Amino acid sequence: MIEVLLALVAGVIGGILSRWIPFPKKTPPLPHIEVDSSHEYMVTRGVEMFYEGGDLHMAKIRRQENPGAVLIADGINRG
């Protein structure tokens, strides 16, 4: 019973303090990429390069074929 009361009090105090302490805002979303040949795409995992070129669809295929690989578009990591 004491534990429940302490948890309730801690929750109330945390809720009150959260209104006074500013928390960092979410990071803004990455800009949308237009699909055209003016972009440079790379698919890498560590030092291994699986694809480098201007075809987004091919880059996505290579990323799916290689677990753990990331898609980098114009120098921005897209996951």
N, C-alpha and C. Protein backbone atom coordinates (compact mmCIF):
# COMPACT_ATOMS: atom_id res chain seq x y z
N MET A 1 0.82 -1.19 0.00
CA MET A 1 0.00 0.00 0.00
C MET A 1 0.87 1.26 0.00
N ILE A 2 1.93 1.24 0.79
CA ILE A 2 2.84 2.39 0.84
C ILE A 2 3.49 2.61 -0.53
N GLU A 3 3.87 1.50 -1.20
CA GLU A 3 4.53 1.60 -2.50
C GLU A 3 3.61 2.27 -3.52
N VAL A 4 2.33 1.89 -3.48
CA VAL A 4 1.36 2.47 -4.41
C VAL A 4 1.21 3.97 -4.16
N LEU A 5 1.15 4.34 -2.90
CA LEU A 5 1.04 5.75 -2.55
C LEU A 5 2.26 6.53 -2.99
N LEU A 6 3.45 5.96 -2.77
CA LEU A 6 4.68 6.63 -3.19
C LEU A 6 4.74 6.79 -4.72
N ALA A 7 4.31 5.75 -5.43
CA ALA A 7 4.30 5.83 -6.90
C ALA A 7 3.33 6.90 -7.37
N LEU A 8 2.18 7.00 -6.73
CA LEU A 8 1.20 8.01 -7.10
C LEU A 8 1.73 9.41 -6.84
N VAL A 9 2.34 9.61 -5.69
CA VAL A 9 2.92 10.92 -5.36
C VAL A 9 4.04 11.28 -6.33
N ALA A 10 4.89 10.30 -6.66
CA ALA A 10 5.98 10.55 -7.60
C ALA A 10 5.43 10.92 -8.98
N GLY A 11 4.35 10.27 -9.40
CA GLY A 11 3.74 10.59 -10.69
C GLY A 11 3.17 11.99 -10.73
N VAL A 12 2.53 12.39 -9.64
CA VAL A 12 1.96 13.74 -9.57
C VAL A 12 3.08 14.78 -9.58
N ILE A 13 4.11 14.55 -8.79
CA ILE A 13 5.24 15.50 -8.76
C ILE A 13 5.92 15.57 -10.13
N GLY A 14 6.10 14.42 -10.77
CA GLY A 14 6.70 14.41 -12.11
C GLY A 14 5.86 15.15 -13.12
N GLY A 15 4.54 15.00 -13.04
CA GLY A 15 3.64 15.71 -13.95
C GLY A 15 3.70 17.22 -13.76
N ILE A 16 3.78 17.64 -12.51
CA ILE A 16 3.87 19.08 -12.23
C ILE A 16 5.20 19.64 -12.73
N LEU A 17 6.29 18.93 -12.44
CA LEU A 17 7.61 19.41 -12.88
C LEU A 17 7.74 19.43 -14.40
N SER A 18 7.08 18.50 -15.08
CA SER A 18 7.22 18.44 -16.54
C SER A 18 6.64 19.68 -17.22
N ARG A 19 5.73 20.37 -16.55
CA ARG A 19 5.19 21.60 -17.13
C ARG A 19 6.19 22.75 -17.02
N TRP A 20 7.07 22.71 -16.04
CA TRP A 20 8.02 23.79 -15.83
C TRP A 20 9.35 23.55 -16.52
N ILE A 21 9.70 22.29 -16.75
CA ILE A 21 10.99 21.97 -17.36
C ILE A 21 10.78 21.77 -18.86
N PRO A 22 11.40 22.59 -19.69
CA PRO A 22 11.21 22.43 -21.14
C PRO A 22 11.95 21.19 -21.64
N PHE A 23 11.24 20.35 -22.36
CA PHE A 23 11.85 19.17 -22.96
C PHE A 23 12.21 19.49 -24.40
N PRO A 24 13.24 18.86 -24.94
CA PRO A 24 13.62 19.15 -26.32
C PRO A 24 12.51 18.75 -27.29
N LYS A 25 12.36 19.55 -28.32
CA LYS A 25 11.36 19.28 -29.34
C LYS A 25 11.82 18.12 -30.22
N LYS A 26 10.86 17.54 -30.93
CA LYS A 26 11.20 16.48 -31.88
C LYS A 26 12.05 17.07 -33.00
N THR A 27 12.93 16.25 -33.53
CA THR A 27 13.72 16.71 -34.67
C THR A 27 12.80 16.82 -35.88
N PRO A 28 13.02 17.79 -36.74
CA PRO A 28 12.16 17.95 -37.90
C PRO A 28 12.34 16.77 -38.86
N PRO A 29 11.32 16.42 -39.62
CA PRO A 29 11.45 15.31 -40.55
C PRO A 29 12.44 15.65 -41.66
N LEU A 30 13.02 14.62 -42.23
CA LEU A 30 13.94 14.82 -43.35
C LEU A 30 13.16 15.33 -44.55
N PRO A 31 13.75 16.17 -45.37
CA PRO A 31 13.04 16.67 -46.55
C PRO A 31 12.74 15.54 -47.52
N HIS A 32 11.60 15.65 -48.19
CA HIS A 32 11.19 14.64 -49.16
C HIS A 32 12.10 14.71 -50.39
N ILE A 33 12.48 13.57 -50.90
CA ILE A 33 13.35 13.52 -52.08
C ILE A 33 12.49 13.34 -53.32
N GLU A 34 12.68 14.20 -54.28
CA GLU A 34 12.04 14.03 -55.58
C GLU A 34 12.80 12.93 -56.32
N VAL A 35 12.05 12.02 -56.95
CA VAL A 35 12.70 10.92 -57.66
C VAL A 35 13.09 11.40 -59.05
N ASP A 36 14.36 11.70 -59.22
CA ASP A 36 14.89 12.03 -60.54
C ASP A 36 16.38 11.72 -60.54
N SER A 37 17.01 11.94 -61.65
CA SER A 37 18.41 11.54 -61.79
C SER A 37 19.39 12.56 -61.21
N SER A 38 18.88 13.67 -60.66
CA SER A 38 19.80 14.67 -60.13
C SER A 38 20.27 14.34 -58.72
N HIS A 39 19.78 13.24 -58.15
CA HIS A 39 20.19 12.83 -56.81
C HIS A 39 21.20 11.70 -56.90
N GLU A 40 22.02 11.60 -55.88
CA GLU A 40 23.02 10.54 -55.81
C GLU A 40 22.66 9.64 -54.63
N TYR A 41 22.48 8.36 -54.88
CA TYR A 41 22.10 7.41 -53.85
C TYR A 41 23.24 6.42 -53.61
N MET A 42 23.42 6.08 -52.34
CA MET A 42 24.41 5.06 -51.98
C MET A 42 23.77 4.11 -50.98
N VAL A 43 24.09 2.83 -51.10
CA VAL A 43 23.65 1.84 -50.13
C VAL A 43 24.92 1.23 -49.56
N THR A 44 25.12 1.40 -48.26
CA THR A 44 26.35 0.92 -47.63
C THR A 44 26.04 0.19 -46.33
N ARG A 45 26.99 -0.62 -45.93
CA ARG A 45 26.98 -1.23 -44.59
C ARG A 45 28.42 -1.21 -44.13
N GLY A 46 28.72 -0.28 -43.22
CA GLY A 46 30.11 -0.12 -42.80
C GLY A 46 30.92 0.42 -43.96
N VAL A 47 31.95 -0.33 -44.36
CA VAL A 47 32.79 0.10 -45.49
C VAL A 47 32.36 -0.56 -46.79
N GLU A 48 31.39 -1.48 -46.74
CA GLU A 48 30.93 -2.16 -47.95
C GLU A 48 29.96 -1.27 -48.72
N MET A 49 30.16 -1.15 -50.01
CA MET A 49 29.28 -0.36 -50.87
C MET A 49 28.50 -1.33 -51.75
N PHE A 50 27.16 -1.30 -51.64
CA PHE A 50 26.33 -2.20 -52.43
C PHE A 50 25.75 -1.53 -53.67
N TYR A 51 25.58 -0.21 -53.60
CA TYR A 51 25.06 0.51 -54.76
C TYR A 51 25.48 1.96 -54.67
N GLU A 52 25.78 2.54 -55.82
CA GLU A 52 26.05 3.97 -55.92
C GLU A 52 25.59 4.42 -57.29
N GLY A 53 24.64 5.33 -57.32
CA GLY A 53 24.13 5.80 -58.60
C GLY A 53 22.91 6.69 -58.41
N GLY A 54 22.20 6.94 -59.52
CA GLY A 54 21.08 7.87 -59.50
C GLY A 54 19.71 7.22 -59.49
N ASP A 55 19.62 5.89 -59.40
CA ASP A 55 18.34 5.19 -59.47
C ASP A 55 17.86 4.83 -58.06
N LEU A 56 16.83 5.54 -57.57
CA LEU A 56 16.33 5.31 -56.22
C LEU A 56 15.74 3.91 -56.07
N HIS A 57 15.03 3.44 -57.08
CA HIS A 57 14.40 2.12 -56.98
C HIS A 57 15.45 1.02 -56.87
N MET A 58 16.52 1.13 -57.62
CA MET A 58 17.60 0.14 -57.53
C MET A 58 18.27 0.22 -56.16
N ALA A 59 18.43 1.42 -55.64
CA ALA A 59 19.03 1.58 -54.32
C ALA A 59 18.17 0.92 -53.25
N LYS A 60 16.85 1.07 -53.35
CA LYS A 60 15.96 0.43 -52.38
C LYS A 60 16.02 -1.09 -52.48
N ILE A 61 16.12 -1.61 -53.69
CA ILE A 61 16.24 -3.06 -53.87
C ILE A 61 17.52 -3.56 -53.24
N ARG A 62 18.63 -2.87 -53.47
CA ARG A 62 19.92 -3.28 -52.89
C ARG A 62 19.88 -3.22 -51.36
N ARG A 63 19.18 -2.23 -50.82
CA ARG A 63 19.08 -2.12 -49.36
C ARG A 63 18.28 -3.30 -48.79
N GLN A 64 17.22 -3.71 -49.47
CA GLN A 64 16.42 -4.84 -49.01
C GLN A 64 17.20 -6.15 -49.10
N GLU A 65 18.04 -6.27 -50.12
CA GLU A 65 18.82 -7.50 -50.30
C GLU A 65 19.92 -7.65 -49.26
N ASN A 66 20.34 -6.56 -48.64
CA ASN A 66 21.47 -6.57 -47.70
C ASN A 66 21.02 -6.08 -46.33
N PRO A 67 20.67 -7.01 -45.42
CA PRO A 67 20.22 -6.59 -44.09
C PRO A 67 21.29 -5.76 -43.37
N GLY A 68 20.86 -4.70 -42.73
CA GLY A 68 21.78 -3.83 -42.02
C GLY A 68 22.35 -2.71 -42.87
N ALA A 69 22.09 -2.74 -44.16
CA ALA A 69 22.59 -1.68 -45.05
C ALA A 69 21.72 -0.44 -44.90
N VAL A 70 22.31 0.72 -45.15
CA VAL A 70 21.57 1.98 -45.05
C VAL A 70 21.58 2.69 -46.40
N LEU A 71 20.51 3.42 -46.65
CA LEU A 71 20.38 4.21 -47.87
C LEU A 71 20.80 5.63 -47.57
N ILE A 72 21.74 6.14 -48.33
CA ILE A 72 22.21 7.51 -48.17
C ILE A 72 21.87 8.26 -49.45
N ALA A 73 21.08 9.33 -49.30
CA ALA A 73 20.67 10.12 -50.45
C ALA A 73 21.27 11.51 -50.32
N ASP A 74 22.08 11.89 -51.28
CA ASP A 74 22.73 13.20 -51.29
C ASP A 74 23.46 13.47 -49.97
N GLY A 75 24.07 12.46 -49.42
CA GLY A 75 24.85 12.61 -48.19
C GLY A 75 24.05 12.56 -46.91
N ILE A 76 22.72 12.35 -46.99
CA ILE A 76 21.87 12.28 -45.81
C ILE A 76 21.44 10.83 -45.59
N ASN A 77 21.71 10.31 -44.40
CA ASN A 77 21.35 8.93 -44.08
C ASN A 77 19.84 8.79 -44.01
N ARG A 78 19.29 7.96 -44.88
CA ARG A 78 17.84 7.75 -44.93
C ARG A 78 17.41 6.42 -44.31
N GLY A 79 18.33 5.72 -43.69
CA GLY A 79 17.98 4.48 -43.00
C GLY A 79 18.03 3.26 -43.81
